[in-house]
Amino acid sequence: IVKNNLFETPYLFQLIQEQSGAQWKEMYQVYNMGHRLEFYLKEADAAGIIEIAKSFGIEAKIIGYVEEAEGESVELHTTYGNFEYRS
């Protein structure tokens, strides 16, 4: 899983990071960093889901993609760096 179009990090998480001194990689591992529910579906179906969310006043967008790989991992491309998590 590659997440390369994340939502902007809410100030609350920036404040937690500053006060705790935690590394950003740990912050993304421990907190949701402002991300809510994620759907994994075909890209062609995403527009319909995004429109439904908008009809309820919920901001939604495509935040990444799934690619074939050896093993399971999540790769994040963030304002604070790129991080990889492996299971």
N, C-alpha and C. Protein backbone atom coordinates (compact mmCIF):
# COMPACT_ATOMS: atom_id res chain seq x y z
N ILE A 1 0.86 -1.17 0.00
CA ILE A 1 0.00 0.00 0.00
C ILE A 1 0.90 1.22 0.00
N VAL A 2 0.65 2.14 -0.93
CA VAL A 2 1.40 3.39 -1.00
C VAL A 2 0.41 4.53 -0.81
N LYS A 3 0.64 5.33 0.21
CA LYS A 3 -0.21 6.49 0.48
C LYS A 3 0.63 7.74 0.18
N ASN A 4 0.32 8.36 -0.95
CA ASN A 4 1.14 9.48 -1.41
C ASN A 4 0.36 10.77 -1.62
N ASN A 5 -0.86 10.81 -1.13
CA ASN A 5 -1.70 12.00 -1.29
C ASN A 5 -2.55 12.20 -0.04
N LEU A 6 -1.89 12.22 1.10
CA LEU A 6 -2.58 12.29 2.38
C LEU A 6 -3.20 13.67 2.62
N PHE A 7 -4.18 13.71 3.50
CA PHE A 7 -4.75 14.98 3.92
C PHE A 7 -3.71 15.75 4.74
N GLU A 8 -3.88 17.05 4.81
CA GLU A 8 -2.98 17.87 5.62
C GLU A 8 -3.13 17.45 7.09
N THR A 9 -2.01 17.40 7.79
CA THR A 9 -2.02 17.00 9.19
C THR A 9 -2.65 18.11 10.04
N PRO A 10 -3.69 17.82 10.81
CA PRO A 10 -4.28 18.83 11.69
C PRO A 10 -3.27 19.32 12.73
N TYR A 11 -3.43 20.56 13.12
CA TYR A 11 -2.50 21.19 14.05
C TYR A 11 -2.36 20.40 15.35
N LEU A 12 -3.42 19.76 15.80
CA LEU A 12 -3.38 18.98 17.05
C LEU A 12 -2.21 18.00 17.03
N PHE A 13 -2.01 17.30 15.91
CA PHE A 13 -0.94 16.31 15.84
C PHE A 13 0.44 16.95 15.78
N GLN A 14 0.52 18.12 15.19
CA GLN A 14 1.78 18.86 15.19
C GLN A 14 2.13 19.26 16.62
N LEU A 15 1.14 19.68 17.38
CA LEU A 15 1.34 20.06 18.77
C LEU A 15 1.78 18.86 19.61
N ILE A 16 1.13 17.72 19.42
CA ILE A 16 1.52 16.49 20.14
C ILE A 16 2.96 16.14 19.83
N GLN A 17 3.34 16.21 18.56
CA GLN A 17 4.70 15.87 18.17
C GLN A 17 5.70 16.83 18.80
N GLU A 18 5.42 18.12 18.75
CA GLU A 18 6.33 19.12 19.33
C GLU A 18 6.51 18.91 20.83
N GLN A 19 5.41 18.67 21.53
CA GLN A 19 5.46 18.54 22.98
C GLN A 19 6.05 17.20 23.43
N SER A 20 5.84 16.16 22.65
CA SER A 20 6.33 14.84 23.05
C SER A 20 7.74 14.56 22.54
N GLY A 21 8.12 15.22 21.47
CA GLY A 21 9.42 14.94 20.86
C GLY A 21 9.45 13.64 20.07
N ALA A 22 8.28 13.05 19.84
CA ALA A 22 8.20 11.79 19.09
C ALA A 22 8.65 12.02 17.65
N GLN A 23 9.25 11.02 17.06
CA GLN A 23 9.61 11.07 15.65
C GLN A 23 8.33 11.00 14.82
N TRP A 24 8.35 11.62 13.63
CA TRP A 24 7.16 11.61 12.79
C TRP A 24 6.76 10.20 12.38
N LYS A 25 7.69 9.32 12.15
CA LYS A 25 7.36 7.94 11.79
C LYS A 25 6.51 7.30 12.90
N GLU A 26 6.89 7.55 14.14
CA GLU A 26 6.12 7.02 15.28
C GLU A 26 4.75 7.67 15.35
N MET A 27 4.67 8.97 15.07
CA MET A 27 3.39 9.67 15.10
C MET A 27 2.41 9.03 14.12
N TYR A 28 2.86 8.73 12.91
CA TYR A 28 1.99 8.11 11.92
C TYR A 28 1.64 6.68 12.28
N GLN A 29 2.49 6.02 13.04
CA GLN A 29 2.22 4.66 13.45
C GLN A 29 1.21 4.62 14.61
N VAL A 30 1.27 5.58 15.50
CA VAL A 30 0.44 5.58 16.70
C VAL A 30 -0.90 6.29 16.49
N TYR A 31 -0.89 7.41 15.78
CA TYR A 31 -2.10 8.23 15.61
C TYR A 31 -2.61 8.13 14.18
N ASN A 32 -3.88 8.47 13.99
CA ASN A 32 -4.44 8.46 12.64
C ASN A 32 -4.06 9.71 11.85
N MET A 33 -3.50 10.70 12.48
CA MET A 33 -2.99 11.92 11.86
C MET A 33 -4.06 12.64 11.04
N GLY A 34 -5.31 12.53 11.47
CA GLY A 34 -6.40 13.23 10.80
C GLY A 34 -7.10 12.42 9.73
N HIS A 35 -6.64 11.20 9.51
CA HIS A 35 -7.29 10.34 8.53
C HIS A 35 -8.38 9.55 9.22
N ARG A 36 -9.43 9.38 8.48
CA ARG A 36 -10.58 8.70 9.06
C ARG A 36 -10.70 7.31 8.43
N LEU A 37 -11.81 7.03 7.89
CA LEU A 37 -12.09 5.73 7.28
C LEU A 37 -11.44 5.64 5.91
N GLU A 38 -10.83 4.50 5.61
CA GLU A 38 -10.22 4.27 4.30
C GLU A 38 -10.93 3.12 3.62
N PHE A 39 -11.20 3.29 2.33
CA PHE A 39 -11.78 2.24 1.50
C PHE A 39 -10.71 1.80 0.51
N TYR A 40 -10.61 0.52 0.29
CA TYR A 40 -9.72 -0.02 -0.73
C TYR A 40 -10.61 -0.59 -1.82
N LEU A 41 -10.62 0.08 -2.98
CA LEU A 41 -11.50 -0.33 -4.06
C LEU A 41 -10.89 0.05 -5.40
N LYS A 42 -11.53 -0.39 -6.46
CA LYS A 42 -11.05 -0.06 -7.80
C LYS A 42 -11.13 1.45 -8.01
N GLU A 43 -10.10 2.00 -8.66
CA GLU A 43 -10.06 3.44 -8.88
C GLU A 43 -11.30 3.94 -9.61
N ALA A 44 -11.83 3.14 -10.51
CA ALA A 44 -13.02 3.53 -11.27
C ALA A 44 -14.23 3.74 -10.37
N ASP A 45 -14.26 3.11 -9.20
CA ASP A 45 -15.39 3.25 -8.27
C ASP A 45 -15.20 4.39 -7.27
N ALA A 46 -14.02 4.96 -7.23
CA ALA A 46 -13.70 5.97 -6.21
C ALA A 46 -14.54 7.24 -6.37
N ALA A 47 -14.73 7.69 -7.59
CA ALA A 47 -15.46 8.95 -7.81
C ALA A 47 -16.86 8.89 -7.19
N GLY A 48 -17.54 7.77 -7.33
CA GLY A 48 -18.88 7.64 -6.76
C GLY A 48 -18.87 7.71 -5.25
N ILE A 49 -17.90 7.06 -4.63
CA ILE A 49 -17.78 7.08 -3.17
C ILE A 49 -17.45 8.50 -2.69
N ILE A 50 -16.57 9.17 -3.41
CA ILE A 50 -16.19 10.54 -3.04
C ILE A 50 -17.41 11.46 -3.13
N GLU A 51 -18.22 11.31 -4.14
CA GLU A 51 -19.43 12.13 -4.29
C GLU A 51 -20.42 11.85 -3.16
N ILE A 52 -20.58 10.60 -2.77
CA ILE A 52 -21.48 10.27 -1.66
C ILE A 52 -20.98 10.94 -0.38
N ALA A 53 -19.68 10.86 -0.12
CA ALA A 53 -19.12 11.50 1.08
C ALA A 53 -19.38 13.00 1.05
N LYS A 54 -19.14 13.62 -0.10
CA LYS A 54 -19.37 15.07 -0.23
C LYS A 54 -20.82 15.43 0.04
N SER A 55 -21.75 14.56 -0.36
CA SER A 55 -23.18 14.85 -0.13
C SER A 55 -23.51 14.89 1.36
N PHE A 56 -22.65 14.29 2.19
CA PHE A 56 -22.81 14.33 3.64
C PHE A 56 -21.87 15.35 4.29
N GLY A 57 -21.21 16.17 3.48
CA GLY A 57 -20.31 17.20 4.00
C GLY A 57 -18.98 16.64 4.49
N ILE A 58 -18.58 15.48 3.97
CA ILE A 58 -17.33 14.84 4.38
C ILE A 58 -16.33 14.96 3.25
N GLU A 59 -15.16 15.53 3.54
CA GLU A 59 -14.11 15.63 2.54
C GLU A 59 -13.53 14.25 2.29
N ALA A 60 -13.41 13.89 1.03
CA ALA A 60 -12.87 12.59 0.66
C ALA A 60 -12.03 12.75 -0.60
N LYS A 61 -11.02 11.87 -0.73
CA LYS A 61 -10.19 11.90 -1.93
C LYS A 61 -9.40 10.60 -2.00
N ILE A 62 -8.80 10.37 -3.15
CA ILE A 62 -7.91 9.22 -3.32
C ILE A 62 -6.60 9.59 -2.65
N ILE A 63 -6.15 8.75 -1.71
CA ILE A 63 -4.92 9.07 -0.98
C ILE A 63 -3.75 8.18 -1.37
N GLY A 64 -3.98 7.20 -2.23
CA GLY A 64 -2.88 6.33 -2.60
C GLY A 64 -3.35 5.19 -3.48
N TYR A 65 -2.56 4.14 -3.48
CA TYR A 65 -2.84 3.00 -4.34
C TYR A 65 -2.20 1.74 -3.77
N VAL A 66 -2.62 0.61 -4.29
CA VAL A 66 -2.06 -0.68 -3.89
C VAL A 66 -1.27 -1.22 -5.07
N GLU A 67 -0.08 -1.72 -4.79
CA GLU A 67 0.73 -2.32 -5.84
C GLU A 67 1.24 -3.67 -5.38
N GLU A 68 1.56 -4.51 -6.33
CA GLU A 68 2.08 -5.83 -6.01
C GLU A 68 3.47 -5.69 -5.40
N ALA A 69 3.73 -6.47 -4.37
CA ALA A 69 5.03 -6.42 -3.69
C ALA A 69 5.27 -7.75 -2.99
N GLU A 70 6.50 -7.96 -2.63
CA GLU A 70 6.83 -9.13 -1.82
C GLU A 70 6.63 -8.76 -0.36
N GLY A 71 5.77 -9.46 0.31
CA GLY A 71 5.48 -9.15 1.70
C GLY A 71 4.45 -8.04 1.81
N GLU A 72 4.07 -7.78 3.04
CA GLU A 72 3.08 -6.74 3.31
C GLU A 72 3.77 -5.50 3.85
N SER A 73 3.41 -4.34 3.30
CA SER A 73 3.99 -3.10 3.80
C SER A 73 3.07 -1.93 3.48
N VAL A 74 3.26 -0.87 4.22
CA VAL A 74 2.58 0.40 3.98
C VAL A 74 3.67 1.45 3.85
N GLU A 75 3.59 2.21 2.79
CA GLU A 75 4.56 3.28 2.54
C GLU A 75 3.81 4.61 2.57
N LEU A 76 4.29 5.52 3.40
CA LEU A 76 3.67 6.84 3.50
C LEU A 76 4.61 7.91 2.95
N HIS A 77 4.06 8.79 2.12
CA HIS A 77 4.80 9.95 1.62
C HIS A 77 4.13 11.15 2.28
N THR A 78 4.81 11.76 3.23
CA THR A 78 4.21 12.84 4.02
C THR A 78 5.04 14.11 3.92
N THR A 79 4.50 15.16 4.45
CA THR A 79 5.22 16.43 4.54
C THR A 79 6.47 16.29 5.40
N TYR A 80 6.44 15.34 6.31
CA TYR A 80 7.52 15.18 7.28
C TYR A 80 8.50 14.08 6.90
N GLY A 81 8.36 13.50 5.73
CA GLY A 81 9.25 12.46 5.26
C GLY A 81 8.49 11.27 4.73
N ASN A 82 9.23 10.32 4.19
CA ASN A 82 8.66 9.08 3.70
C ASN A 82 8.95 7.98 4.70
N PHE A 83 7.93 7.18 5.02
CA PHE A 83 8.06 6.15 6.03
C PHE A 83 7.51 4.83 5.51
N GLU A 84 8.17 3.74 5.88
CA GLU A 84 7.69 2.42 5.47
C GLU A 84 7.50 1.57 6.72
N TYR A 85 6.38 0.86 6.72
CA TYR A 85 6.04 -0.04 7.83
C TYR A 85 5.84 -1.42 7.24
N ARG A 86 6.50 -2.41 7.81
CA ARG A 86 6.40 -3.80 7.34
C ARG A 86 5.82 -4.66 8.45
N SER A 87 5.04 -5.65 8.03
CA SER A 87 4.50 -6.57 9.04
C SER A 87 5.35 -7.78 9.19
